[in-house]
Amino acid sequence: MILDGMGHDLSSFYWDQLVDEISTHAQGAPTNESFAGYRVAMNRSLRSWSAIVAVVGLLLLPLTFTGTPSAAAASAHSSCRAPRLTGLTVTAARHRAKAAGCQLRLSGAVVKIPTIQTIHTQNVRPGVRATLVTVAVNPLCPSSGAIGPPPGEPIMKPGPTELISGLFIEGGPFIYRSVPNCESLVGKSSGGTITITNSVGTVIANNMALSAGQLLYVNVTTGAYTISGVFSSGLKAGPITVNVPSGEMVRQDLVLDVP
């Protein structure tokens, strides 16, 4: 009964020995004359049982370890609830993904300074279960501490004949930023006043007050215009002259460079 369910794992050699032992014990207790023979049979029986136990142990040994790889594989493929990573720095995104139990794959720009570069997009919406979250990394953009107006001024676009201008401070210490497109980095205009005159000296806009973040829009006729400005701090910018073609919106800002 002890070997119930294990017989199919034992060789015919051990089954033959087991049957012989059962037959010997079924004949009853040994007589005094056969006591020596009985001891020999018992010794053989004990050796046979020891061999059987050893074989069963070897057969069961692999079963002890079969569950370990499966458990590890299941753990490796277990899902997580994706956290919100967009807008975080690469360093912060790595920490948040690890805390959520998610694997993180980086794509997009090469990571040079993970404490500055940010995550633009992620392929799995926050809260959705996944085994892997892939994110797009924004590039590293070198720039000055104070960012000026859009590059390439004067900028012309089709539209009403119009002159657009603002006050900007540009310069300061060199720093890195991280955005999807480095060329899209544009500073915020400063407060102050702007004056615009035409080619014959007629004032078109006289000391027009602007708050920080505001731009001045003036409808004009085709021709050349001179722009000058004064910052709220009293510092002056300009004058600068720009031509405005018919049917074009022309942007020309006033910039104060600082070291």
Protein backbone atom coordinates (compact mmCIF):
# COMPACT_ATOMS: atom_id res chain seq x y z
CA MET A 1 0.00 0.00 0.00
CA ILE A 2 2.93 2.33 0.62
CA LEU A 3 3.86 2.13 -3.10
CA ASP A 4 0.33 2.75 -4.37
CA GLY A 5 0.50 4.97 -7.46
CA MET A 6 4.28 4.57 -7.86
CA GLY A 7 4.48 1.08 -9.32
CA HIS A 8 4.65 2.26 -12.90
CA ASP A 9 7.88 4.08 -12.07
CA LEU A 10 9.73 0.98 -10.74
CA SER A 11 11.72 -1.47 -12.84
CA SER A 12 10.73 -5.17 -13.12
CA PHE A 13 13.88 -6.06 -11.14
CA TYR A 14 12.57 -4.43 -7.98
CA TRP A 15 9.06 -5.80 -8.50
CA ASP A 16 10.46 -9.35 -8.66
CA GLN A 17 12.30 -8.83 -5.36
CA LEU A 18 9.18 -7.39 -3.77
CA VAL A 19 7.05 -10.37 -4.84
CA ASP A 20 9.69 -12.80 -3.45
CA GLU A 21 9.66 -11.04 -0.10
CA ILE A 22 5.85 -11.09 0.11
CA SER A 23 5.84 -14.84 -0.68
CA THR A 24 8.44 -15.52 2.02
CA HIS A 25 6.45 -13.70 4.72
CA ALA A 26 3.17 -15.36 3.66
CA GLN A 27 4.53 -18.83 4.69
CA GLY A 28 4.31 -17.89 8.38
CA ALA A 29 6.86 -17.40 11.18
CA PRO A 30 10.17 -19.28 10.76
CA THR A 31 11.02 -22.35 12.87
CA ASN A 32 14.03 -22.55 15.13
CA GLU A 33 15.82 -24.76 12.63
CA SER A 34 15.40 -22.14 9.87
CA PHE A 35 16.12 -19.09 12.05
CA ALA A 36 19.53 -18.47 10.46
CA GLY A 37 18.03 -18.60 6.98
CA TYR A 38 15.32 -16.21 8.10
CA ARG A 39 17.89 -13.66 9.23
CA VAL A 40 19.60 -13.84 5.85
CA ALA A 41 16.25 -13.28 4.12
CA MET A 42 15.50 -10.29 6.35
CA ASN A 43 18.88 -8.72 5.59
CA ARG A 44 18.24 -9.14 1.88
CA SER A 45 14.76 -7.67 2.33
CA LEU A 46 16.11 -4.59 4.08
CA ARG A 47 18.68 -4.07 1.33
CA SER A 48 15.95 -4.40 -1.30
CA TRP A 49 13.74 -1.86 0.44
CA SER A 50 16.66 0.55 0.73
CA ALA A 51 17.28 0.26 -3.00
CA ILE A 52 13.57 0.85 -3.75
CA VAL A 53 13.48 3.96 -1.57
CA ALA A 54 16.60 5.31 -3.30
CA VAL A 55 15.11 4.76 -6.77
CA VAL A 56 11.80 6.41 -5.80
CA GLY A 57 13.73 9.37 -4.40
CA LEU A 58 15.64 9.77 -7.67
CA LEU A 59 12.41 9.59 -9.67
CA LEU A 60 10.74 12.26 -7.57
CA LEU A 61 13.75 14.58 -7.40
CA PRO A 62 13.15 16.30 -10.77
CA LEU A 63 9.57 17.05 -9.73
CA THR A 64 10.89 19.21 -6.91
CA PHE A 65 12.39 21.69 -9.39
CA THR A 66 9.88 21.66 -12.24
CA GLY A 67 7.77 24.40 -10.64
CA THR A 68 10.64 26.88 -10.23
CA PRO A 69 11.25 27.81 -13.93
CA SER A 70 7.51 28.04 -14.55
CA ALA A 71 7.07 30.41 -11.62
CA ALA A 72 9.96 32.56 -12.81
CA ALA A 73 8.57 32.65 -16.34
CA ALA A 74 5.13 33.61 -15.05
CA SER A 75 6.65 36.37 -12.97
CA ALA A 76 8.65 37.68 -15.95
CA HIS A 77 5.48 37.91 -18.06
CA SER A 78 3.18 39.26 -15.36
CA SER A 79 1.37 42.46 -16.28
CA CYS A 80 1.41 45.82 -14.54
CA ARG A 81 -0.86 48.84 -14.51
CA ALA A 82 0.89 51.45 -16.65
CA PRO A 83 1.61 54.71 -14.80
CA ARG A 84 1.54 58.18 -16.36
CA LEU A 85 5.04 58.86 -17.71
CA THR A 86 4.48 61.64 -20.27
CA GLY A 87 6.13 64.89 -19.22
CA LEU A 88 8.42 63.28 -16.66
CA THR A 89 12.18 63.24 -16.93
CA VAL A 90 13.72 59.92 -17.97
CA THR A 91 15.03 59.42 -14.43
CA ALA A 92 11.60 60.00 -12.88
CA ALA A 93 9.92 57.77 -15.49
CA ARG A 94 12.29 54.92 -14.70
CA HIS A 95 11.54 55.18 -10.97
CA ARG A 96 7.77 55.34 -11.52
CA ALA A 97 7.78 52.38 -13.95
CA LYS A 98 9.84 50.31 -11.52
CA ALA A 99 7.49 51.12 -8.64
CA ALA A 100 4.53 49.98 -10.78
CA GLY A 101 6.32 46.75 -11.74
CA CYS A 102 6.45 47.69 -15.43
CA GLN A 103 9.24 47.07 -17.91
CA LEU A 104 10.27 50.31 -19.63
CA ARG A 105 11.61 50.65 -23.18
CA LEU A 106 13.09 53.97 -24.37
CA SER A 107 12.75 55.16 -27.96
CA GLY A 108 13.20 58.50 -29.70
CA ALA A 109 16.18 60.70 -28.90
CA VAL A 110 19.40 59.29 -27.45
CA VAL A 111 19.44 59.73 -23.69
CA LYS A 112 22.38 61.93 -22.70
CA ILE A 113 21.20 63.62 -19.50
CA PRO A 114 18.29 61.58 -18.04
CA THR A 115 17.65 64.12 -15.28
CA ILE A 116 16.78 66.77 -17.92
CA GLN A 117 15.42 64.92 -20.95
CA THR A 118 11.68 64.38 -20.79
CA ILE A 119 9.14 61.83 -22.05
CA HIS A 120 7.11 62.99 -25.05
CA THR A 121 4.66 60.10 -25.46
CA GLN A 122 3.95 56.58 -24.16
CA ASN A 123 2.38 53.72 -26.11
CA VAL A 124 0.17 52.46 -23.27
CA ARG A 125 -2.46 54.72 -21.72
CA PRO A 126 -2.14 55.25 -17.95
CA GLY A 127 -4.13 52.69 -15.97
CA VAL A 128 -4.13 50.06 -18.73
CA ARG A 129 -2.51 46.70 -17.95
CA ALA A 130 0.59 45.80 -19.96
CA THR A 131 3.86 43.89 -19.66
CA LEU A 132 5.95 46.56 -21.40
CA VAL A 133 5.61 50.34 -21.75
CA THR A 134 7.48 52.06 -24.60
CA VAL A 135 8.11 55.80 -24.34
CA ALA A 136 9.48 58.40 -26.78
CA VAL A 137 12.25 60.56 -25.32
CA ASN A 138 12.57 64.27 -26.18
CA PRO A 139 15.95 65.51 -27.42
CA LEU A 140 18.36 67.60 -25.39
CA CYS A 141 18.23 71.26 -26.48
CA PRO A 142 21.08 73.65 -25.66
CA SER A 143 19.89 77.20 -25.14
CA SER A 144 20.45 80.40 -23.21
CA GLY A 145 18.76 81.03 -19.90
CA ALA A 146 16.51 83.69 -21.46
CA ILE A 147 15.05 82.54 -24.78
CA GLY A 148 14.33 85.13 -27.45
CA PRO A 149 11.69 85.29 -30.21
CA PRO A 150 11.26 82.70 -32.99
CA PRO A 151 14.37 82.35 -35.17
CA GLY A 152 14.48 83.66 -38.72
CA GLU A 153 12.78 87.03 -38.29
CA PRO A 154 11.29 88.83 -40.05
CA ILE A 155 8.78 86.02 -40.46
CA MET A 156 6.18 86.45 -43.22
CA LYS A 157 2.90 84.60 -43.64
CA PRO A 158 0.02 85.18 -46.06
CA GLY A 159 -2.82 87.17 -44.54
CA PRO A 160 -3.88 90.73 -43.91
CA THR A 161 -1.17 93.36 -44.35
CA GLU A 162 -0.04 93.55 -40.75
CA LEU A 163 2.98 94.22 -38.57
CA ILE A 164 3.50 92.18 -35.42
CA SER A 165 6.08 92.97 -32.75
CA GLY A 166 7.01 92.30 -29.12
CA LEU A 167 9.76 92.92 -26.57
CA PHE A 168 12.18 90.08 -25.76
CA ILE A 169 15.25 89.62 -23.56
CA GLU A 170 17.70 87.03 -24.84
CA GLY A 171 20.88 85.60 -23.33
CA GLY A 172 22.04 84.68 -19.86
CA PRO A 173 23.70 81.47 -18.69
CA PHE A 174 23.84 78.44 -20.98
CA ILE A 175 21.38 75.69 -19.99
CA TYR A 176 19.79 72.54 -21.44
CA ARG A 177 16.09 72.05 -22.03
CA SER A 178 14.14 69.11 -23.43
CA VAL A 179 11.25 69.50 -25.88
CA PRO A 180 10.02 67.50 -28.91
CA ASN A 181 11.48 70.08 -31.34
CA CYS A 182 14.41 72.24 -30.21
CA GLU A 183 13.63 74.84 -32.89
CA SER A 184 10.21 75.39 -31.31
CA LEU A 185 11.77 76.90 -28.18
CA VAL A 186 10.46 80.46 -28.02
CA GLY A 187 10.74 82.84 -25.10
CA LYS A 188 8.02 84.88 -23.46
CA SER A 189 7.78 88.57 -24.36
CA SER A 190 8.43 91.20 -21.72
CA GLY A 191 6.32 94.17 -20.69
CA GLY A 192 6.96 97.69 -21.96
CA THR A 193 5.96 100.05 -24.79
CA ILE A 194 6.43 99.97 -28.58
CA THR A 195 6.35 102.82 -31.09
CA ILE A 196 6.02 102.33 -34.86
CA THR A 197 6.59 105.00 -37.54
CA ASN A 198 6.32 104.79 -41.32
CA SER A 199 8.91 105.77 -43.91
CA VAL A 200 8.01 109.49 -43.76
CA GLY A 201 8.12 109.62 -39.96
CA THR A 202 4.40 109.44 -39.26
CA VAL A 203 3.71 107.66 -35.96
CA ILE A 204 1.49 104.65 -36.60
CA ALA A 205 1.56 103.31 -33.02
CA ASN A 206 2.69 105.60 -30.22
CA ASN A 207 4.05 104.05 -27.01
CA MET A 208 1.62 101.15 -27.13
CA ALA A 209 1.72 99.46 -23.70
CA LEU A 210 2.24 95.71 -23.56
CA SER A 211 2.10 93.33 -20.63
CA ALA A 212 4.43 90.37 -20.30
CA GLY A 213 3.45 87.73 -22.85
CA GLN A 214 1.66 90.18 -25.16
CA LEU A 215 2.45 91.07 -28.80
CA LEU A 216 1.43 94.21 -30.71
CA TYR A 217 -0.64 93.75 -33.92
CA VAL A 218 -0.95 96.80 -36.20
CA ASN A 219 -2.76 96.94 -39.55
CA VAL A 220 -0.59 98.86 -42.01
CA THR A 221 -0.27 99.60 -45.69
CA THR A 222 2.54 98.31 -47.87
CA GLY A 223 5.83 99.98 -47.04
CA ALA A 224 8.78 100.29 -44.66
CA TYR A 225 8.28 100.74 -40.92
CA THR A 226 10.61 101.53 -38.03
CA ILE A 227 10.02 99.87 -34.66
CA SER A 228 11.46 100.99 -31.31
CA GLY A 229 10.63 100.02 -27.75
CA VAL A 230 11.24 100.55 -24.06
CA PHE A 231 11.15 97.73 -21.50
CA SER A 232 9.36 98.15 -18.20
CA SER A 233 12.81 98.33 -16.59
CA GLY A 234 13.62 101.44 -18.68
CA LEU A 235 16.03 99.67 -21.05
CA LYS A 236 15.57 100.51 -24.72
CA ALA A 237 15.53 98.28 -27.82
CA GLY A 238 15.70 99.27 -31.48
CA PRO A 239 15.13 101.05 -33.68
CA ILE A 240 14.82 98.43 -36.40
CA THR A 241 13.30 98.87 -39.89
CA VAL A 242 11.26 96.21 -41.70
CA ASN A 243 9.39 96.07 -45.03
CA VAL A 244 5.77 94.92 -45.08
CA PRO A 245 4.55 93.57 -48.47
CA SER A 246 0.90 93.62 -49.41
CA GLY A 247 -1.07 90.62 -48.23
CA GLU A 248 1.58 89.53 -45.74
CA MET A 249 1.65 89.34 -41.95
CA VAL A 250 5.17 90.33 -40.91
CA ARG A 251 6.58 89.60 -37.47
CA GLN A 252 9.60 91.56 -36.31
CA ASP A 253 10.37 91.64 -32.56
CA LEU A 254 12.67 93.89 -30.55
CA VAL A 255 15.41 91.99 -28.73
CA LEU A 256 17.64 93.04 -25.87
CA ASP A 257 20.75 90.88 -25.60
CA VAL A 258 22.09 90.25 -22.11
CA PRO A 259 25.37 88.52 -21.15
